[in-house]
Amino acid sequence: IFEAQSANFGKPKNIVAKMVEGKVKKFLSEVSLTEQDFVKDPGVKIKSLLDKNNAQVIQFKRFEVGEGIEVEETDFAAEVMSQIKKS
């Protein structure tokens, strides 16, 4: 997929190969746990943190940004009217 996308730019094959390599590395760093940034210190990769502490992953929990936050759904028009009535 990355090769087909990169070929559309009309670049030479050696440049396309480097573009594909960069895209694959970026993709793997996003989906591989050990290549992701540590949430408490984004400058540190999980792999280096594990190596530094002579540790290994035996279990993990997936979190998503904003997960668990409940958003109050209100009718915009009703909210505006309530603000007008207050003033």
C-alpha atoms as a PDB file:
ATOM      1  CA  ILE A   1       0.000   0.000   0.000  1.00  0.00           C
ATOM      2  CA  PHE A   2       2.760   2.417   0.982  1.00  0.00           C
ATOM      3  CA  GLU A   3       4.658   1.612  -2.215  1.00  0.00           C
ATOM      4  CA  ALA A   4       1.604   2.299  -4.386  1.00  0.00           C
ATOM      5  CA  GLN A   5       0.961   5.587  -2.572  1.00  0.00           C
ATOM      6  CA  SER A   6       4.590   6.677  -2.918  1.00  0.00           C
ATOM      7  CA  ALA A   7       4.777   5.697  -6.601  1.00  0.00           C
ATOM      8  CA  ASN A   8       2.061   8.252  -7.375  1.00  0.00           C
ATOM      9  CA  PHE A   9       4.554  11.064  -6.700  1.00  0.00           C
ATOM     10  CA  GLY A  10       6.561  10.162  -9.831  1.00  0.00           C
ATOM     11  CA  LYS A  11       9.842   9.812  -7.918  1.00  0.00           C
ATOM     12  CA  PRO A  12      12.701   7.460  -8.870  1.00  0.00           C
ATOM     13  CA  LYS A  13      12.532   3.898  -7.493  1.00  0.00           C
ATOM     14  CA  ASN A  14      15.346   4.450  -4.977  1.00  0.00           C
ATOM     15  CA  ILE A  15      13.518   7.482  -3.518  1.00  0.00           C
ATOM     16  CA  VAL A  16      10.228   5.543  -3.437  1.00  0.00           C
ATOM     17  CA  ALA A  17      11.997   2.736  -1.543  1.00  0.00           C
ATOM     18  CA  LYS A  18      13.230   5.203   1.103  1.00  0.00           C
ATOM     19  CA  MET A  19       9.764   6.766   1.367  1.00  0.00           C
ATOM     20  CA  VAL A  20       8.215   3.320   1.888  1.00  0.00           C
ATOM     21  CA  GLU A  21      10.850   2.441   4.495  1.00  0.00           C
ATOM     22  CA  GLY A  22      10.092   5.642   6.418  1.00  0.00           C
ATOM     23  CA  LYS A  23       6.337   5.045   6.295  1.00  0.00           C
ATOM     24  CA  VAL A  24       6.725   1.447   7.495  1.00  0.00           C
ATOM     25  CA  LYS A  25       8.960   2.547  10.397  1.00  0.00           C
ATOM     26  CA  LYS A  26       6.436   5.211  11.386  1.00  0.00           C
ATOM     27  CA  PHE A  27       3.552   2.727  11.203  1.00  0.00           C
ATOM     28  CA  LEU A  28       5.406   0.146  13.305  1.00  0.00           C
ATOM     29  CA  SER A  29       6.330   2.769  15.905  1.00  0.00           C
ATOM     30  CA  GLU A  30       2.638   3.613  16.286  1.00  0.00           C
ATOM     31  CA  VAL A  31       1.344   0.042  16.602  1.00  0.00           C
ATOM     32  CA  SER A  32       4.218  -1.684  18.420  1.00  0.00           C
ATOM     33  CA  LEU A  33       4.088  -1.295  22.213  1.00  0.00           C
ATOM     34  CA  THR A  34       7.856  -1.265  22.681  1.00  0.00           C
ATOM     35  CA  GLU A  35       8.329   1.507  20.105  1.00  0.00           C
ATOM     36  CA  GLN A  36       5.689   3.811  21.594  1.00  0.00           C
ATOM     37  CA  ASP A  37       6.496   6.770  23.841  1.00  0.00           C
ATOM     38  CA  PHE A  38       6.145   6.286  27.594  1.00  0.00           C
ATOM     39  CA  VAL A  39       2.979   8.142  28.650  1.00  0.00           C
ATOM     40  CA  LYS A  40       4.636   9.801  31.681  1.00  0.00           C
ATOM     41  CA  ASP A  41       7.766  10.856  29.725  1.00  0.00           C
ATOM     42  CA  PRO A  42       7.160  11.138  25.956  1.00  0.00           C
ATOM     43  CA  GLY A  43      10.905  11.452  25.301  1.00  0.00           C
ATOM     44  CA  VAL A  44      11.441   7.849  26.426  1.00  0.00           C
ATOM     45  CA  LYS A  45      10.450   4.770  24.428  1.00  0.00           C
ATOM     46  CA  ILE A  46       8.922   1.784  26.224  1.00  0.00           C
ATOM     47  CA  LYS A  47      11.763  -0.443  24.968  1.00  0.00           C
ATOM     48  CA  SER A  48      14.465   1.740  26.524  1.00  0.00           C
ATOM     49  CA  LEU A  49      12.486   1.983  29.776  1.00  0.00           C
ATOM     50  CA  LEU A  50      12.210  -1.815  29.934  1.00  0.00           C
ATOM     51  CA  ASP A  51      15.924  -2.261  29.166  1.00  0.00           C
ATOM     52  CA  LYS A  52      16.949   0.355  31.746  1.00  0.00           C
ATOM     53  CA  ASN A  53      14.930  -1.360  34.482  1.00  0.00           C
ATOM     54  CA  ASN A  54      15.776  -4.918  33.374  1.00  0.00           C
ATOM     55  CA  ALA A  55      12.044  -5.595  33.006  1.00  0.00           C
ATOM     56  CA  GLN A  56       9.729  -7.326  30.582  1.00  0.00           C
ATOM     57  CA  VAL A  57       6.090  -6.862  29.624  1.00  0.00           C
ATOM     58  CA  ILE A  58       3.864  -9.653  30.877  1.00  0.00           C
ATOM     59  CA  GLN A  59       0.548  -7.803  30.724  1.00  0.00           C
ATOM     60  CA  PHE A  60      -0.683  -4.395  29.591  1.00  0.00           C
ATOM     61  CA  LYS A  61      -3.846  -2.307  29.507  1.00  0.00           C
ATOM     62  CA  ARG A  62      -4.859  -0.248  26.479  1.00  0.00           C
ATOM     63  CA  PHE A  63      -5.941   3.342  27.069  1.00  0.00           C
ATOM     64  CA  GLU A  64      -7.303   5.759  24.511  1.00  0.00           C
ATOM     65  CA  VAL A  65      -7.049   9.520  24.821  1.00  0.00           C
ATOM     66  CA  GLY A  66     -10.373  10.842  26.117  1.00  0.00           C
ATOM     67  CA  GLU A  67     -11.666   7.376  26.970  1.00  0.00           C
ATOM     68  CA  GLY A  68     -14.055   7.350  29.911  1.00  0.00           C
ATOM     69  CA  ILE A  69     -14.844  11.049  29.757  1.00  0.00           C
ATOM     70  CA  GLU A  70     -18.576  11.615  29.786  1.00  0.00           C
ATOM     71  CA  VAL A  71     -19.725  14.591  27.750  1.00  0.00           C
ATOM     72  CA  GLU A  72     -22.987  16.215  28.726  1.00  0.00           C
ATOM     73  CA  GLU A  73     -25.197  16.443  25.668  1.00  0.00           C
ATOM     74  CA  THR A  74     -27.295  19.593  25.566  1.00  0.00           C
ATOM     75  CA  ASP A  75     -29.474  21.243  23.000  1.00  0.00           C
ATOM     76  CA  PHE A  76     -27.523  24.265  21.745  1.00  0.00           C
ATOM     77  CA  ALA A  77     -30.639  26.393  21.211  1.00  0.00           C
ATOM     78  CA  ALA A  78     -31.930  25.603  24.707  1.00  0.00           C
ATOM     79  CA  GLU A  79     -28.516  26.419  26.179  1.00  0.00           C
ATOM     80  CA  VAL A  80     -28.455  29.800  24.415  1.00  0.00           C
ATOM     81  CA  MET A  81     -31.979  30.584  25.601  1.00  0.00           C
ATOM     82  CA  SER A  82     -31.069  29.714  29.192  1.00  0.00           C
ATOM     83  CA  GLN A  83     -28.075  32.070  29.001  1.00  0.00           C
ATOM     84  CA  ILE A  84     -30.278  34.856  27.627  1.00  0.00           C
ATOM     85  CA  LYS A  85     -32.831  34.356  30.411  1.00  0.00           C
ATOM     86  CA  LYS A  86     -30.089  34.556  33.060  1.00  0.00           C
ATOM     87  CA  SER A  87     -28.876  37.960  31.861  1.00  0.00           C
END
